[in-house]
């Protein structure tokens, strides 16, 4: 598959990471975003990310240059027409993703359309597409160049051939694909984000400080990072969106988003990307 061009829709944190891994693995990449400024930031971030691999002697300078040469950026969705696979990594907004998938399905009738959604229904995305059997979930984890898991989510309409090709692609990227049913939050986020939400309730109730909560989970549960620090890395807005998907999808009050989490998102305290979340970052 390494000679086949792969499209990536969205040049934010996840799109950058996915594009970097694809290019470093030998795939020509078309990275799409609506803003030239974001594409410029993405190229710079990918160059920096590849540079870190060179510094760790996991990549040569020649391989770094070759990977960058395989990366093309565009603000024209039509540039993705000839891609064998298109991976959508746009913001976690159902209406936006549904429009993108509808547009992409009309743009190309052969490409596999994969979504990096962290919690939204793949069956719903497939329903707006022509040939819905080629729609599948390909959920990477942040930071993409480091974490090995890819959740492969089968919509009700997804064909066996589509799943097999996405699993093959994940392995070609050095990732481990794990098959998950199309259920709200899939596996990791259904387990992880409610834990983060419960940590926010602990903080809201004054049971412990953010530092104490994180230290307790690192030392007592052998977690490499505490839940509130992890929320800051993921983005509090993303955590809130996932909790809302879980609450809507299951209708169970145990998925009620913590009011403190909602207030922090409303205040713009989104974590590392805004400089302040449960912790403060310089």
Protein backbone atom coordinates (compact mmCIF):
# COMPACT_ATOMS: atom_id res chain seq x y z
CA UNK A 1 0.00 0.00 0.00
CA UNK A 2 2.98 2.36 0.46
CA UNK A 3 2.72 3.81 -3.07
CA UNK A 4 -0.93 4.79 -2.67
CA UNK A 5 -1.71 8.41 -1.81
CA UNK A 6 -3.58 8.97 1.45
CA UNK A 7 -5.69 12.05 2.14
CA UNK A 8 -5.99 13.63 5.59
CA UNK A 9 -8.83 16.08 6.23
CA UNK A 10 -8.06 18.55 9.01
CA UNK A 11 -4.63 19.91 9.94
CA UNK A 12 -5.11 20.22 13.69
CA UNK A 13 -3.22 18.21 16.29
CA UNK A 14 -4.58 14.83 15.23
CA UNK A 15 -4.38 15.54 11.50
CA UNK A 16 -0.77 16.65 11.88
CA UNK A 17 0.15 13.50 13.76
CA UNK A 18 -1.61 11.21 11.27
CA UNK A 19 0.00 12.98 8.31
CA UNK A 20 3.44 12.75 9.93
CA UNK A 21 3.16 9.01 10.53
CA UNK A 22 1.86 8.40 7.01
CA UNK A 23 4.65 10.40 5.36
CA UNK A 24 7.34 8.82 7.56
CA UNK A 25 5.99 5.37 6.61
CA UNK A 26 6.41 6.02 2.89
CA UNK A 27 2.93 7.18 1.88
CA UNK A 28 2.35 10.25 -0.32
CA UNK A 29 0.01 12.49 1.72
CA UNK A 30 -2.48 15.18 0.74
CA UNK A 31 -3.21 17.21 3.88
CA UNK A 32 -6.36 19.33 3.53
CA UNK A 33 -7.57 22.21 5.66
CA UNK A 34 -9.74 25.25 5.00
CA UNK A 35 -7.01 27.68 6.17
CA UNK A 36 -3.58 28.24 4.61
CA UNK A 37 -2.30 29.47 7.97
CA UNK A 38 -3.23 26.21 9.66
CA UNK A 39 -1.56 24.20 6.90
CA UNK A 40 1.63 26.24 7.35
CA UNK A 41 1.56 25.57 11.10
CA UNK A 42 0.95 21.90 10.42
CA UNK A 43 3.91 21.57 8.06
CA UNK A 44 6.14 23.29 10.61
CA UNK A 45 4.89 21.01 13.41
CA UNK A 46 5.41 17.89 11.27
CA UNK A 47 8.95 19.02 10.37
CA UNK A 48 9.64 19.55 14.09
CA UNK A 49 8.16 16.15 14.94
CA UNK A 50 10.32 14.42 12.35
CA UNK A 51 13.30 16.35 13.68
CA UNK A 52 12.73 14.86 17.12
CA UNK A 53 12.90 11.38 15.58
CA UNK A 54 16.19 12.32 13.91
CA UNK A 55 17.54 13.52 17.26
CA UNK A 56 16.59 10.17 18.81
CA UNK A 57 18.26 8.38 15.87
CA UNK A 58 14.96 6.76 14.89
CA UNK A 59 15.06 8.52 11.51
CA UNK A 60 17.90 9.81 9.34
CA UNK A 61 18.05 13.36 7.97
CA UNK A 62 17.65 11.90 4.48
CA UNK A 63 14.48 10.09 5.59
CA UNK A 64 13.22 13.30 7.22
CA UNK A 65 13.62 15.22 3.95
CA UNK A 66 12.00 12.40 1.97
CA UNK A 67 9.02 12.34 4.33
CA UNK A 68 8.51 16.10 3.96
CA UNK A 69 8.70 15.75 0.18
CA UNK A 70 5.87 13.22 0.34
CA UNK A 71 3.67 15.75 2.19
CA UNK A 72 1.50 18.06 0.09
CA UNK A 73 -0.93 20.58 1.58
CA UNK A 74 -4.08 21.96 0.00
CA UNK A 75 -7.19 24.04 0.67
CA UNK A 76 -8.98 22.34 -2.25
CA UNK A 77 -10.94 19.24 -1.28
CA UNK A 78 -10.81 18.17 -4.92
CA UNK A 79 -7.06 17.49 -4.50
CA UNK A 80 -8.03 14.35 -2.57
CA UNK A 81 -9.95 12.89 -5.52
CA UNK A 82 -7.30 10.28 -6.41
CA UNK A 83 -6.45 9.16 -2.87
CA UNK A 84 -6.90 5.47 -2.05
CA UNK A 85 -7.88 6.25 1.55
CA UNK A 86 -9.09 9.52 3.06
CA UNK A 87 -8.81 9.92 6.84
CA UNK A 88 -11.03 12.62 8.31
CA UNK A 89 -9.62 14.39 11.39
CA UNK A 90 -11.89 17.43 11.54
CA UNK A 91 -13.31 18.89 14.79
CA UNK A 92 -15.70 16.62 16.70
CA UNK A 93 -18.89 18.24 15.35
CA UNK A 94 -21.52 15.86 13.92
CA UNK A 95 -22.92 18.29 11.33
CA UNK A 96 -19.44 19.18 10.05
CA UNK A 97 -18.38 15.56 9.76
CA UNK A 98 -21.60 14.53 8.02
CA UNK A 99 -21.18 17.31 5.46
CA UNK A 100 -17.56 16.32 4.85
CA UNK A 101 -18.44 12.66 4.36
CA UNK A 102 -21.27 13.52 1.99
CA UNK A 103 -18.93 15.74 -0.04
CA UNK A 104 -16.14 13.16 -0.04
CA UNK A 105 -18.44 10.34 -1.10
CA UNK A 106 -19.48 12.35 -4.14
CA UNK A 107 -15.90 13.42 -4.86
CA UNK A 108 -14.55 9.87 -5.05
CA UNK A 109 -16.47 6.64 -5.51
CA UNK A 110 -13.54 4.30 -4.82
CA UNK A 111 -11.62 5.66 -1.83
CA UNK A 112 -12.12 4.25 1.65
CA UNK A 113 -13.49 7.02 3.87
CA UNK A 114 -12.14 6.68 7.40
CA UNK A 115 -12.98 8.87 10.38
CA UNK A 116 -10.70 9.59 13.32
CA UNK A 117 -13.77 10.45 15.42
CA UNK A 118 -13.27 9.68 19.09
CA UNK A 119 -16.91 8.94 19.88
CA UNK A 120 -19.42 9.71 17.09
CA UNK A 121 -21.49 7.08 15.30
CA UNK A 122 -19.85 5.65 12.17
CA UNK A 123 -23.20 4.21 11.11
CA UNK A 124 -24.60 7.74 11.06
CA UNK A 125 -21.66 9.01 8.99
CA UNK A 126 -21.97 6.12 6.55
CA UNK A 127 -25.68 6.81 6.09
CA UNK A 128 -24.99 10.14 4.35
CA UNK A 129 -22.56 8.56 1.87
CA UNK A 130 -22.82 6.97 -1.51
CA UNK A 131 -21.47 3.41 -1.18
CA UNK A 132 -21.58 3.43 2.65
CA UNK A 133 -19.79 0.08 2.80
CA UNK A 134 -16.47 1.94 2.37
CA UNK A 135 -16.92 4.04 5.54
CA UNK A 136 -15.02 2.96 8.65
CA UNK A 137 -13.62 4.35 11.88
CA UNK A 138 -9.83 4.67 12.24
CA UNK A 139 -9.35 6.19 15.68
CA UNK A 140 -5.75 7.18 16.44
CA UNK A 141 -4.58 8.41 19.84
CA UNK A 142 -2.64 11.52 20.78
CA UNK A 143 0.32 11.81 20.32
CA UNK A 144 -0.13 9.83 17.11
CA UNK A 145 3.59 9.22 16.43
CA UNK A 146 3.98 7.63 19.89
CA UNK A 147 0.83 5.67 20.75
CA UNK A 148 0.42 2.32 18.99
CA UNK A 149 -3.33 1.74 19.22
CA UNK A 150 -5.78 2.31 16.37
CA UNK A 151 -9.40 1.48 17.13
CA UNK A 152 -11.01 0.15 13.92
CA UNK A 153 -14.75 0.78 14.14
CA UNK A 154 -17.14 -1.05 11.85
CA UNK A 155 -20.35 0.78 10.98
CA UNK A 156 -23.44 -1.33 10.32
CA UNK A 157 -22.75 -0.78 6.61
CA UNK A 158 -18.96 -1.37 6.57
CA UNK A 159 -17.74 -4.23 4.38
CA UNK A 160 -15.22 -6.87 5.43
CA UNK A 161 -12.90 -5.70 2.64
CA UNK A 162 -12.90 -2.15 4.02
CA UNK A 163 -12.02 -3.33 7.53
CA UNK A 164 -9.25 -5.56 6.17
CA UNK A 165 -7.66 -2.72 4.19
CA UNK A 166 -7.73 -0.33 7.16
CA UNK A 167 -6.20 -2.97 9.43
CA UNK A 168 -3.48 -3.49 6.80
CA UNK A 169 -2.85 0.26 6.65
CA UNK A 170 -2.63 0.53 10.45
CA UNK A 171 -0.03 -2.24 10.54
CA UNK A 172 1.93 -0.56 7.74
CA UNK A 173 2.15 2.50 10.02
CA UNK A 174 3.55 0.40 12.88
CA UNK A 175 0.24 0.55 14.75
CA UNK A 176 -1.85 -2.19 16.33
CA UNK A 177 -5.44 -2.26 15.04
CA UNK A 178 -8.13 -3.39 17.49
CA UNK A 179 -11.65 -4.07 16.20
CA UNK A 180 -14.40 -2.26 18.13
CA UNK A 181 -18.16 -2.17 17.54
CA UNK A 182 -19.90 1.10 16.68
CA UNK A 183 -20.96 2.06 20.20
CA UNK A 184 -20.78 5.53 21.82
CA UNK A 185 -17.20 6.25 22.92
CA UNK A 186 -16.01 2.92 21.45
CA UNK A 187 -13.72 1.20 24.02
CA UNK A 188 -10.98 3.51 25.27
CA UNK A 189 -12.97 6.71 25.62
CA UNK A 190 -15.97 4.94 27.11
CA UNK A 191 -13.68 3.80 29.92
CA UNK A 192 -11.23 6.70 30.09
CA UNK A 193 -13.31 9.87 29.82
CA UNK A 194 -15.84 8.95 32.55
CA UNK A 195 -12.81 8.45 34.82
CA UNK A 196 -11.64 11.97 33.93
CA UNK A 197 -15.17 13.25 34.54
CA UNK A 198 -15.20 11.58 37.98
CA UNK A 199 -11.84 13.19 38.78
CA UNK A 200 -13.42 16.56 37.94
CA UNK A 201 -16.26 15.77 40.39
CA UNK A 202 -13.65 15.00 43.09
CA UNK A 203 -12.06 18.39 42.46
CA UNK A 204 -15.43 20.18 42.41
CA UNK A 205 -16.35 18.63 45.76
CA UNK A 206 -13.08 19.79 47.30
CA UNK A 207 -11.98 16.21 48.04
CA UNK A 208 -8.43 16.85 46.77
CA UNK A 209 -6.33 19.24 44.71
CA UNK A 210 -5.60 18.54 41.04
CA UNK A 211 -2.02 17.67 41.96
CA UNK A 212 -3.17 15.23 44.66
CA UNK A 213 -5.69 13.52 42.38
CA UNK A 214 -3.10 13.04 39.65
CA UNK A 215 -0.40 11.86 42.04
CA UNK A 216 -2.79 9.38 43.67
CA UNK A 217 -3.66 7.75 40.34
CA UNK A 218 -0.04 7.63 39.22
CA UNK A 219 1.16 6.00 42.44
CA UNK A 220 -1.93 3.97 43.32
CA UNK A 221 -3.04 2.76 39.90
CA UNK A 222 0.29 2.88 38.04
CA UNK A 223 -1.07 5.35 35.49
CA UNK A 224 1.72 7.14 33.61
CA UNK A 225 -0.24 10.39 33.81
CA UNK A 226 -2.94 11.54 36.22
CA UNK A 227 -6.52 11.92 34.90
CA UNK A 228 -6.63 15.73 35.15
CA UNK A 229 -3.25 16.19 33.46
CA UNK A 230 -4.46 13.77 30.77
CA UNK A 231 -7.64 15.82 30.34
CA UNK A 232 -5.48 18.90 29.80
CA UNK A 233 -3.51 17.02 27.13
CA UNK A 234 -6.65 15.76 25.37
CA UNK A 235 -8.44 19.10 25.65
CA UNK A 236 -11.26 19.77 28.09
CA UNK A 237 -13.58 20.66 25.22
CA UNK A 238 -12.96 17.24 23.68
CA UNK A 239 -13.58 15.51 27.01
CA UNK A 240 -16.85 17.40 27.44
CA UNK A 241 -17.97 16.54 23.91
CA UNK A 242 -17.31 12.84 24.53
CA UNK A 243 -19.26 12.89 27.80
CA UNK A 244 -22.18 14.53 25.99
CA UNK A 245 -22.07 11.83 23.30
CA UNK A 246 -22.06 9.13 25.99
CA UNK A 247 -24.94 10.76 27.86
CA UNK A 248 -27.00 11.13 24.69
CA UNK A 249 -26.11 7.70 23.34
CA UNK A 250 -26.89 5.71 26.48
CA UNK A 251 -29.37 7.99 28.26
CA UNK A 252 -27.73 7.00 31.54
CA UNK A 253 -27.23 9.64 34.27
CA UNK A 254 -23.86 8.13 35.17
CA UNK A 255 -22.51 9.91 32.06
CA UNK A 256 -23.64 13.37 33.23
CA UNK A 257 -20.80 15.84 32.52
CA UNK A 258 -19.35 17.41 35.65
CA UNK A 259 -20.59 21.03 36.02
CA UNK A 260 -17.01 22.15 36.76
CA UNK A 261 -15.87 20.68 33.46
CA UNK A 262 -18.65 22.55 31.64
CA UNK A 263 -17.76 25.83 33.34
CA UNK A 264 -14.07 25.49 32.51
CA UNK A 265 -14.83 24.88 28.84
CA UNK A 266 -17.17 27.89 28.81
CA UNK A 267 -14.36 30.00 30.31
CA UNK A 268 -11.92 28.87 27.61
CA UNK A 269 -9.76 26.86 30.03
CA UNK A 270 -9.20 23.99 27.62
CA UNK A 271 -5.91 22.57 28.87
CA UNK A 272 -2.47 22.68 27.30
CA UNK A 273 -3.66 24.23 24.04
CA UNK A 274 -5.01 27.29 25.87
CA UNK A 275 -2.31 27.46 28.56
CA UNK A 276 -4.71 26.66 31.37
CA UNK A 277 -6.93 23.76 32.34
CA UNK A 278 -6.90 21.80 35.55
CA UNK A 279 -3.23 22.80 35.65
CA UNK A 280 -1.50 25.96 34.40
CA UNK A 281 1.03 25.84 31.55
CA UNK A 282 3.56 28.50 30.54
